[in-house]
Protein backbone atom coordinates (compact mmCIF):
# COMPACT_ATOMS: atom_id res chain seq x y z
CA MET A 1 62.68 -11.17 -12.41
CA GLY A 2 59.12 -9.92 -12.08
CA LYS A 3 58.14 -6.32 -12.62
CA PRO A 4 57.89 -4.00 -9.62
CA VAL A 5 54.42 -3.86 -8.00
CA ILE A 6 54.88 -0.48 -6.33
CA LYS A 7 52.38 1.33 -8.55
CA PRO A 8 49.43 -1.03 -7.85
CA LEU A 9 50.22 -0.86 -4.12
CA VAL A 10 50.23 2.93 -4.22
CA VAL A 11 46.90 2.94 -6.07
CA LEU A 12 45.45 0.54 -3.51
CA LEU A 13 46.73 2.66 -0.62
CA LEU A 14 45.30 5.86 -2.12
CA SER A 15 41.99 4.09 -2.73
CA LEU A 16 41.81 3.01 0.91
CA ILE A 17 42.59 6.55 2.08
CA LEU A 18 39.89 7.95 -0.23
CA VAL A 19 37.31 5.44 1.00
CA SER A 20 38.21 6.26 4.60
CA GLU A 21 37.93 10.00 3.99
CA CYS A 22 34.60 9.61 2.21
CA ALA A 23 33.25 7.50 5.05
CA ALA A 24 34.35 10.15 7.56
CA ILE A 25 32.69 12.90 5.50
CA ARG A 26 29.47 10.88 5.21
CA SER A 27 29.50 10.23 8.94
CA GLN A 28 30.01 13.93 9.66
CA LYS A 29 27.20 14.86 7.26
CA ARG A 30 24.86 12.39 8.95
CA ARG A 31 25.75 13.87 12.33
CA MET A 32 25.31 17.42 11.12
CA GLY A 33 22.08 16.53 9.36
CA GLN A 34 20.59 15.10 12.52
CA ARG A 35 21.63 18.12 14.58
CA VAL A 36 20.11 20.53 12.05
CA GLN A 37 16.92 18.51 11.88
CA LEU A 38 16.51 18.68 15.66
CA SER A 39 17.42 22.37 15.95
CA LEU A 40 14.69 24.06 13.94
CA GLU A 41 13.10 25.77 16.94
CA GLU A 42 13.16 29.56 17.03
CA CYS A 43 16.24 30.59 19.02
CA GLY A 44 15.37 34.22 19.65
CA ASP A 45 12.74 33.71 22.37
CA LEU A 46 14.89 34.12 25.47
CA GLU A 47 13.76 34.31 29.10
CA ALA A 48 15.11 33.58 32.57
CA ILE A 49 13.48 30.34 33.69
CA GLU A 50 13.44 28.43 36.97
CA PRO A 51 12.96 24.72 37.83
CA ASP A 52 9.25 25.04 38.48
CA TYR A 53 7.90 22.57 35.92
CA TYR A 54 7.93 19.37 37.93
CA ARG A 55 8.99 18.47 41.47
CA ILE A 56 9.54 15.11 43.16
CA GLU A 57 9.81 15.11 46.95
CA ALA A 58 11.53 11.89 47.92
CA GLU A 59 12.60 10.45 51.27
CA GLY A 60 16.17 11.69 50.88
CA GLY A 61 15.78 14.90 48.91
CA VAL A 62 14.10 16.84 46.12
CA THR A 63 14.28 16.66 42.32
CA GLU A 64 13.18 19.69 40.29
CA SER A 65 13.03 20.04 36.52
CA TRP A 66 12.82 22.84 34.02
CA ASN A 67 10.15 22.62 31.30
CA HIS A 68 11.92 20.67 28.56
CA THR A 69 9.31 21.86 26.02
CA ASN A 70 10.39 25.48 26.52
CA LYS A 71 11.35 26.95 23.11
CA MET A 72 14.67 28.21 24.42
CA LEU A 73 15.69 24.77 25.72
CA ARG A 74 14.47 23.11 22.54
CA CYS A 75 16.61 25.54 20.55
CA ALA A 76 19.69 24.30 22.41
CA GLY A 77 18.46 20.69 22.37
CA VAL A 78 18.79 20.20 26.12
CA ALA A 79 16.87 19.36 29.29
CA LEU A 80 17.77 20.36 32.86
CA VAL A 81 17.28 18.85 36.31
CA ARG A 82 18.36 19.96 39.78
CA ARG A 83 18.69 17.60 42.74
CA THR A 84 19.02 18.61 46.38
CA VAL A 85 20.11 15.63 48.47
CA LYS A 86 19.90 15.55 52.27
CA PRO A 87 22.93 14.46 54.32
CA GLY A 88 22.82 10.67 54.25
CA GLY A 89 20.75 10.65 51.07
CA LEU A 90 21.45 8.23 48.19
CA VAL A 91 20.30 8.96 44.63
CA LEU A 92 19.31 5.62 43.16
CA PRO A 93 21.23 4.33 40.11
CA SER A 94 19.89 5.38 36.71
CA TYR A 95 20.94 6.07 33.14
CA THR A 96 19.57 8.28 30.37
CA ASN A 97 19.22 8.38 26.60
CA ALA A 98 21.44 11.48 26.31
CA PRO A 99 24.93 12.56 27.39
CA GLN A 100 24.97 14.43 30.70
CA LEU A 101 27.08 17.05 32.41
CA MET A 102 26.61 17.28 36.18
CA TYR A 103 27.79 20.36 38.06
CA TYR A 104 27.92 20.13 41.84
CA VAL A 105 26.92 23.54 43.19
CA GLN A 106 27.55 22.78 46.86
CA GLY A 107 28.20 20.01 49.34
CA SER A 108 30.32 16.87 49.20
CA GLY A 109 29.81 13.18 48.61
CA ILE A 110 30.78 10.17 46.55
CA GLN A 111 29.64 9.04 43.12
CA GLY A 112 29.90 5.69 41.39
CA MET A 113 29.28 4.72 37.80
CA THR A 114 29.79 1.87 35.35
CA ILE A 115 32.12 3.51 32.83
CA PHE A 116 31.68 0.84 30.17
CA PRO A 117 30.34 -2.73 30.18
CA SER A 118 32.87 -5.47 31.00
CA CYS A 119 35.25 -3.08 32.76
CA PRO A 120 36.84 -4.71 35.83
CA GLU A 121 35.89 -4.05 39.44
CA SER A 122 39.00 -2.04 40.26
CA PHE A 123 38.09 -1.16 43.88
CA GLU A 124 38.25 -4.12 46.24
CA GLU A 125 38.77 -5.07 49.87
CA PRO A 126 42.02 -6.79 50.85
CA GLU A 127 41.83 -10.54 51.25
CA GLU A 128 41.63 -11.84 54.78
CA ALA A 129 41.86 -15.38 56.09
CA GLY A 130 38.47 -17.02 56.48
CA GLN A 131 36.65 -14.22 54.68
CA GLU A 132 33.61 -15.56 52.82
CA TYR A 133 32.85 -12.42 50.80
CA ARG A 134 35.22 -9.75 49.55
CA GLU A 135 33.64 -6.47 48.39
CA GLN A 136 34.48 -5.47 44.80
CA HIS A 137 33.05 -2.69 42.66
CA GLN A 138 33.99 -0.15 40.04
CA LYS A 139 35.64 3.16 40.81
CA VAL A 140 34.02 5.56 43.30
CA HIS A 141 34.70 9.27 42.88
CA GLU A 142 34.96 11.78 45.70
CA ILE A 143 32.89 14.84 44.74
CA ARG A 144 32.51 18.36 46.12
CA GLY A 145 31.08 21.71 45.15
CA GLY A 146 32.69 23.00 41.93
CA ASP A 147 33.16 19.56 40.35
CA ILE A 148 31.83 18.58 36.92
CA ILE A 149 31.11 14.94 36.08
CA ALA A 150 30.66 13.79 32.47
CA ILE A 151 28.27 10.86 31.91
CA PRO A 152 27.91 9.11 28.50
CA PRO A 153 24.41 8.01 27.42
CA GLY A 154 23.29 4.63 28.74
CA ILE A 155 25.86 4.60 31.56
CA GLY A 156 24.40 4.00 35.00
CA TYR A 157 25.48 6.06 38.01
CA TRP A 158 24.55 6.89 41.60
CA PHE A 159 25.71 9.42 44.18
CA TYR A 160 25.55 9.81 47.93
CA ASN A 161 25.76 12.80 50.29
CA ASN A 162 28.29 11.97 53.01
CA GLY A 163 28.58 15.58 54.18
CA ASP A 164 26.80 17.70 56.73
CA VAL A 165 24.97 20.07 54.33
CA PRO A 166 22.61 19.46 51.39
CA LEU A 167 24.35 18.29 48.21
CA VAL A 168 23.07 20.32 45.24
CA VAL A 169 23.73 19.28 41.65
CA VAL A 170 22.50 20.68 38.33
CA ILE A 171 22.31 18.16 35.48
CA LEU A 172 22.18 18.96 31.77
CA LEU A 173 20.97 16.30 29.32
CA HIS A 174 21.99 16.97 25.71
CA THR A 175 18.96 15.42 23.99
CA ASN A 176 19.93 16.86 20.58
CA ASN A 177 22.97 14.63 20.43
CA VAL A 178 23.80 12.05 17.77
CA ALA A 179 24.21 9.39 20.46
CA ASN A 180 20.52 9.78 21.39
CA GLN A 181 18.28 7.83 19.02
CA LEU A 182 15.08 8.04 21.09
CA GLY A 183 13.98 11.52 19.98
CA THR A 184 14.19 14.79 21.87
CA LEU A 185 12.20 13.68 24.94
CA PRO A 186 14.55 13.21 27.92
CA ARG A 187 14.21 9.70 29.35
CA ARG A 188 15.69 8.41 32.59
CA PHE A 189 15.83 4.68 33.29
CA TYR A 190 16.02 3.79 36.99
CA ILE A 191 17.71 0.52 37.98
CA ALA A 192 15.93 0.52 41.36
CA GLY A 193 13.06 2.18 43.19
CA ASN A 194 9.60 3.30 42.22
CA THR A 195 9.59 6.94 41.21
CA GLU A 196 7.78 9.38 39.00
CA ASP A 197 9.14 10.69 35.71
CA GLU A 198 11.19 13.75 36.66
CA HIS A 199 10.38 15.53 33.40
CA GLY A 200 6.63 15.33 33.98
CA GLU A 201 5.76 12.77 31.33
CA GLY A 202 2.00 12.39 31.39
CA GLY A 203 1.39 16.00 32.36
CA ARG A 204 2.75 18.65 34.66
CA GLU A 205 0.32 17.95 37.46
CA LYS A 206 0.39 14.14 37.35
CA SER A 207 3.43 12.23 36.14
CA ILE A 208 3.46 8.56 35.22
CA SER A 209 4.84 6.26 37.91
CA GLY A 210 8.05 4.89 36.47
CA ARG A 211 9.02 2.06 38.82
CA ASN A 212 12.28 0.76 37.32
CA VAL A 213 13.73 -1.20 34.42
CA PHE A 214 12.96 -4.55 36.09
CA SER A 215 9.25 -3.79 36.47
CA GLY A 216 8.48 -4.89 32.92
CA ILE A 217 9.90 -8.38 33.45
CA ASN A 218 7.89 -11.32 34.78
CA VAL A 219 8.62 -11.63 38.49
CA ASN A 220 9.05 -15.41 38.40
CA LEU A 221 11.54 -15.18 35.53
CA LEU A 222 13.36 -12.40 37.38
CA ALA A 223 13.64 -14.61 40.48
CA GLN A 224 15.15 -17.43 38.43
CA VAL A 225 17.58 -15.10 36.62
CA PHE A 226 18.92 -13.68 39.89
CA GLY A 227 18.65 -16.96 41.76
CA VAL A 228 16.55 -15.40 44.53
CA ARG A 229 13.11 -15.90 46.06
CA VAL A 230 10.07 -14.39 44.33
CA GLU A 231 9.63 -12.08 47.33
CA THR A 232 13.13 -10.69 46.76
CA ALA A 233 12.44 -10.32 43.03
CA ARG A 234 9.37 -8.23 43.88
CA LYS A 235 11.55 -5.96 46.01
CA ILE A 236 13.86 -5.53 43.03
CA GLN A 237 10.87 -4.39 40.97
CA GLY A 238 9.86 -2.06 43.80
CA PRO A 239 6.08 -1.73 43.33
CA ASP A 240 5.56 -0.97 47.03
CA ASP A 241 8.64 1.26 47.48
CA LYS A 242 7.41 4.69 48.63
CA ARG A 243 10.84 6.30 49.01
CA LYS A 244 11.01 7.42 45.33
CA ASN A 245 14.34 8.25 43.66
CA ILE A 246 16.38 9.55 46.64
CA VAL A 247 16.52 7.33 49.73
CA MET A 248 18.02 7.71 53.19
CA VAL A 249 20.85 5.35 54.21
CA GLU A 250 20.80 4.29 57.84
CA GLY A 251 24.22 4.24 59.46
CA GLY A 252 26.04 5.66 56.43
CA LEU A 253 27.09 4.10 53.15
CA ASP A 254 29.94 1.58 53.34
CA VAL A 255 31.95 1.36 50.10
CA VAL A 256 35.56 0.63 49.18
CA ARG A 257 37.39 3.86 48.37
CA PRO A 258 40.70 5.64 48.94
CA GLU A 259 41.27 7.78 52.00
CA PRO A 260 39.02 10.90 51.94
CA GLY A 261 40.80 13.86 50.42
CA SER A 262 42.82 11.84 47.92
CA ARG A 263 41.98 13.01 44.39
CA ALA A 264 44.52 10.85 42.56
CA ASN A 265 43.85 7.74 40.48
CA ALA A 266 43.97 5.21 43.30
CA ASN A 267 44.33 2.01 41.26
CA GLY A 268 47.53 3.17 39.54
CA LEU A 269 46.33 2.07 36.10
CA GLU A 270 47.20 3.92 32.93
CA GLU A 271 44.16 5.80 31.57
CA THR A 272 42.24 3.46 29.29
CA ILE A 273 38.61 3.13 28.23
CA CYS A 274 37.89 1.63 31.67
CA THR A 275 39.74 4.32 33.62
CA LEU A 276 38.71 7.43 31.67
CA ARG A 277 38.68 10.62 33.67
CA VAL A 278 35.12 11.85 34.02
CA ARG A 279 35.60 14.53 36.70
CA GLU A 280 37.18 17.97 36.70
CA ALA A 281 37.24 20.59 39.48
CA VAL A 282 36.25 23.43 37.15
CA GLY A 283 34.96 25.50 40.08
CA SER A 284 38.37 25.68 41.75
CA ALA A 285 40.07 29.08 41.58
CA ALA A 286 43.30 27.24 40.73
CA ARG A 287 41.69 26.06 37.44
CA ALA A 288 41.03 29.61 36.17
CA ASP A 289 42.11 30.31 32.58
CA ILE A 290 41.44 34.04 32.91
CA TYR A 291 41.99 35.91 36.16
CA VAL A 292 41.79 39.66 36.72
CA PRO A 293 42.18 40.88 40.34
CA HIS A 294 39.12 42.77 41.59
CA ALA A 295 37.15 41.78 38.44
CA GLY A 296 36.80 37.99 38.41
CA ARG A 297 37.86 34.74 36.78
CA ILE A 298 36.80 32.39 33.99
CA ALA A 299 37.59 28.67 33.75
CA THR A 300 36.85 26.62 30.65
CA LEU A 301 36.48 22.87 30.34
CA ASN A 302 36.74 21.20 26.93
CA SER A 303 37.81 17.95 25.31
CA ILE A 304 41.48 18.94 25.53
CA LYS A 305 41.31 19.06 29.32
CA LEU A 306 38.77 16.23 29.69
CA PRO A 307 38.99 13.93 26.62
CA ILE A 308 35.68 12.14 27.26
CA LEU A 309 33.92 15.39 26.25
CA ALA A 310 34.95 14.73 22.63
CA ASP A 311 32.50 11.81 22.55
CA LEU A 312 29.82 13.68 24.46
CA GLN A 313 30.14 16.81 22.25
CA LEU A 314 29.87 19.02 25.33
CA SER A 315 32.02 21.55 27.20
CA ALA A 316 31.58 24.06 30.02
CA GLU A 317 32.54 27.46 31.39
CA ARG A 318 32.67 28.49 35.04
CA GLY A 319 32.40 32.24 35.58
CA VAL A 320 32.91 34.28 38.76
CA LEU A 321 32.57 38.06 38.65
CA TYR A 322 33.44 40.07 41.73
CA LYS A 323 31.61 43.24 42.81
CA TYR A 324 30.57 45.20 39.68
CA GLY A 325 32.70 42.95 37.47
CA VAL A 326 32.01 42.91 33.71
CA TYR A 327 32.50 40.08 31.20
CA VAL A 328 32.99 41.98 27.92
CA PRO A 329 30.60 41.59 24.96
CA HIS A 330 31.38 38.22 23.36
CA TRP A 331 29.82 35.39 21.41
CA ASN A 332 30.15 31.61 21.14
CA LEU A 333 31.57 30.65 17.76
CA ASN A 334 30.43 27.04 17.62
CA ALA A 335 27.97 26.21 20.40
CA HIS A 336 24.88 27.22 22.31
CA SER A 337 25.52 28.21 25.94
CA VAL A 338 23.10 27.12 28.70
CA MET A 339 23.82 29.43 31.62
CA TYR A 340 22.80 28.48 35.18
CA VAL A 341 23.33 31.12 37.88
CA THR A 342 25.03 29.59 40.93
CA GLY A 343 25.28 32.71 43.10
CA GLY A 344 24.91 36.49 43.39
CA ARG A 345 23.03 38.78 41.02
CA GLY A 346 24.00 40.09 37.62
CA ARG A 347 22.58 41.78 34.61
CA VAL A 348 22.77 39.73 31.40
CA GLN A 349 22.12 41.27 28.00
CA VAL A 350 21.91 39.37 24.70
CA GLY A 351 21.66 40.69 21.15
CA ASP A 352 20.79 38.79 17.96
CA ASN A 353 21.88 39.05 14.32
CA LYS A 354 19.28 41.75 13.62
CA GLY A 355 20.71 44.05 16.27
CA LYS A 356 17.71 43.40 18.52
CA ASN A 357 18.05 43.11 22.28
CA VAL A 358 16.44 39.71 22.88
CA PHE A 359 17.28 39.45 26.59
CA ASP A 360 17.95 42.05 29.27
CA ASN A 361 17.41 40.76 32.79
CA VAL A 362 18.91 40.86 36.26
CA MET A 363 19.45 37.17 36.99
CA GLU A 364 19.64 35.45 40.36
CA GLU A 365 20.69 32.09 41.76
CA GLY A 366 18.75 29.16 40.29
CA GLN A 367 17.75 30.85 37.03
CA VAL A 368 18.68 29.63 33.55
CA VAL A 369 19.00 31.36 30.19
CA VAL A 370 20.18 29.99 26.85
CA ILE A 371 22.56 32.17 24.84
CA PRO A 372 22.31 30.89 21.26
CA GLN A 373 25.35 30.40 19.04
CA ASN A 374 26.77 33.71 17.69
CA PHE A 375 24.40 35.87 19.77
CA VAL A 376 26.38 38.60 21.55
CA ALA A 377 26.22 38.57 25.37
CA VAL A 378 27.58 40.74 28.18
CA MET A 379 27.43 40.11 31.94
CA HIS A 380 27.62 42.80 34.65
CA ALA A 381 27.77 41.77 38.31
CA GLY A 382 25.93 43.51 41.10
CA GLU A 383 27.26 44.52 44.48
CA GLU A 384 27.32 40.93 45.77
CA GLY A 385 29.07 39.53 42.67
CA PHE A 386 27.77 37.10 40.05
CA GLU A 387 28.58 33.42 39.45
CA TRP A 388 27.46 30.87 36.87
CA ILE A 389 28.13 27.57 35.16
CA ALA A 390 27.55 27.52 31.39
CA PHE A 391 27.04 24.15 29.67
CA LYS A 392 27.99 24.36 25.99
CA THR A 393 26.79 22.14 23.14
CA GLY A 394 30.19 21.52 21.55
CA GLU A 395 33.29 19.62 22.63
CA ASN A 396 35.57 22.63 22.22
CA ALA A 397 33.33 25.68 22.48
CA MET A 398 35.17 28.89 21.62
CA ILE A 399 34.35 32.55 22.13
CA ASN A 400 35.27 35.79 20.38
CA THR A 401 35.12 39.19 22.04
CA LEU A 402 34.33 42.71 20.88
CA ILE A 403 36.65 44.39 23.37
CA GLY A 404 40.22 43.56 24.40
CA GLU A 405 43.51 42.46 22.90
CA SER A 406 42.18 39.55 20.85
CA SER A 407 38.82 41.10 19.98
CA ALA A 408 37.27 41.16 16.53
CA ILE A 409 37.71 44.96 16.43
CA ARG A 410 41.28 45.05 17.75
CA VAL A 411 42.61 43.19 14.70
CA LEU A 412 41.08 45.61 12.16
CA PRO A 413 43.03 48.47 10.52
CA VAL A 414 42.33 51.88 12.06
CA ASP A 415 40.89 53.21 8.79
CA VAL A 416 38.46 50.34 8.60
CA VAL A 417 37.24 51.08 12.13
CA ALA A 418 37.02 54.83 11.36
CA ASN A 419 34.87 54.18 8.30
CA MET A 420 32.77 51.50 10.02
CA TYR A 421 31.62 53.88 12.72
CA GLN A 422 32.10 57.23 10.92
CA VAL A 423 34.55 58.48 13.55
CA SER A 424 37.95 60.15 13.48
CA ARG A 425 41.14 58.09 13.35
CA GLU A 426 41.85 59.13 16.95
CA ASP A 427 38.48 57.79 18.12
CA ALA A 428 38.95 54.70 15.99
CA GLN A 429 42.26 54.06 17.74
CA ARG A 430 40.59 54.41 21.15
CA ILE A 431 37.87 51.97 20.10
CA LYS A 432 40.48 49.48 18.90
CA GLU A 433 42.49 49.63 22.09
CA ALA A 434 39.57 49.83 24.53
CA ARG A 435 40.29 48.04 27.81
CA ASP A 436 43.63 46.92 26.40
CA GLN A 437 44.04 43.24 27.33
CA ALA A 438 41.14 42.91 29.74
CA ILE A 439 38.28 40.48 29.06
CA LEU A 440 37.11 41.11 32.62
CA PHE A 441 37.06 44.50 34.34
CA THR A 442 35.01 46.46 36.86
CA LEU A 443 32.41 49.07 36.02
CA PRO A 444 30.29 50.56 38.83
CA PRO A 445 26.70 51.30 37.82
CA LEU A 446 25.93 54.84 36.69
CA GLU A 447 23.93 56.76 39.29
CA GLU A 448 21.02 57.54 36.98
CA GLU A 449 20.80 53.89 35.92
CA GLU A 450 21.01 52.15 39.30
CA THR A 451 18.28 49.69 40.16
CA ASP A 452 18.77 47.61 43.31
CA GLY A 453 22.52 47.98 42.96
CA MET A 454 22.54 46.93 39.28
CA ALA A 455 23.54 48.90 36.19
CA LYS A 456 20.72 49.19 33.67
CA ALA A 457 22.81 50.11 30.65
């Protein structure tokens, strides 16, 4: 009988495991190296900024962008765009070089996207006798205010306002992402239309006309590829299209979709790469992870709740503070936080590693501030409350607090706290147990520090 071959097999197995682990480590180092290389901007220059860098007024709505060269946005490696779409307005299909998170601030509509190439057209009309053409297309999502949509890089999408009020969406592009190999400049590729570059390429006052991805192809070749007349091919290229990137749809948009109001997976398929969930109603009060009556609520969205975020390396936080509500001093352990104010007014303070106050502003709807990783932040709502959406540059962004049950101070021995702050043990105990379990609470402004209904300390 031959000798056992267990030992060589074990060696081979261990070798394969080692090679796999080394490859994973190298891959992680490459990813980390790229992120570090693109994140050398100074992160302490914070300011409240508005979308006043570039503006496109189209037939069906308005596109506004923040200055992507701003040091604060470069620190986080992101770009931001806001679209306001009129009722009946259609945002033409496009894709970008960076992962995107879209937060719908208000309104309702539908959105379609090509999840991945070669995925089947899972929405289709029923067959009817004598029917020459049967409509088929990929999944269409029903959207409303409070929804987040996750879009991978290079994936085309469109959306349409089928409501009675303007549809407002804020879009974050994570340009400092390993999936983006075109540098830190945000680039949007339109599949139709003739529009300007929304990030002001070519200068703030005069942007380069972008047309669309078909414009660089010979029109005669394009006609042959599509099997259409040259005149039709020219319309595909859109050189004479004056409507820009948001167009009006006469008579409403007719697509195949489930009955309005149904939020379930209509095709009944098990979730696969072609049926990945890309939407979450993070703005819904029912989705709150933290809720304190009379103070407010916080909802988080990460790759555990929405698995596609693991590939995008992004997450989000939806915050709602009621009248004079406070979100205790806290910091992000592993991500930058890009905070967009969706409503109300609130005072936001941020401190850096040197103990310097680098931001102290009353913020209003439409303003953005970046809170860098590990910088300590506190939010205090005004009389009308304070609401925001925070996009975070990590798939599972986590926070730590300085007050409350799970705070960094609560877990320390009393004597350590007493010696840290040179206080008595009794005071140290009070500091440890401050606010007990509350991460959110109410704190009316002090009379001597009131300014337009806001606390100034």
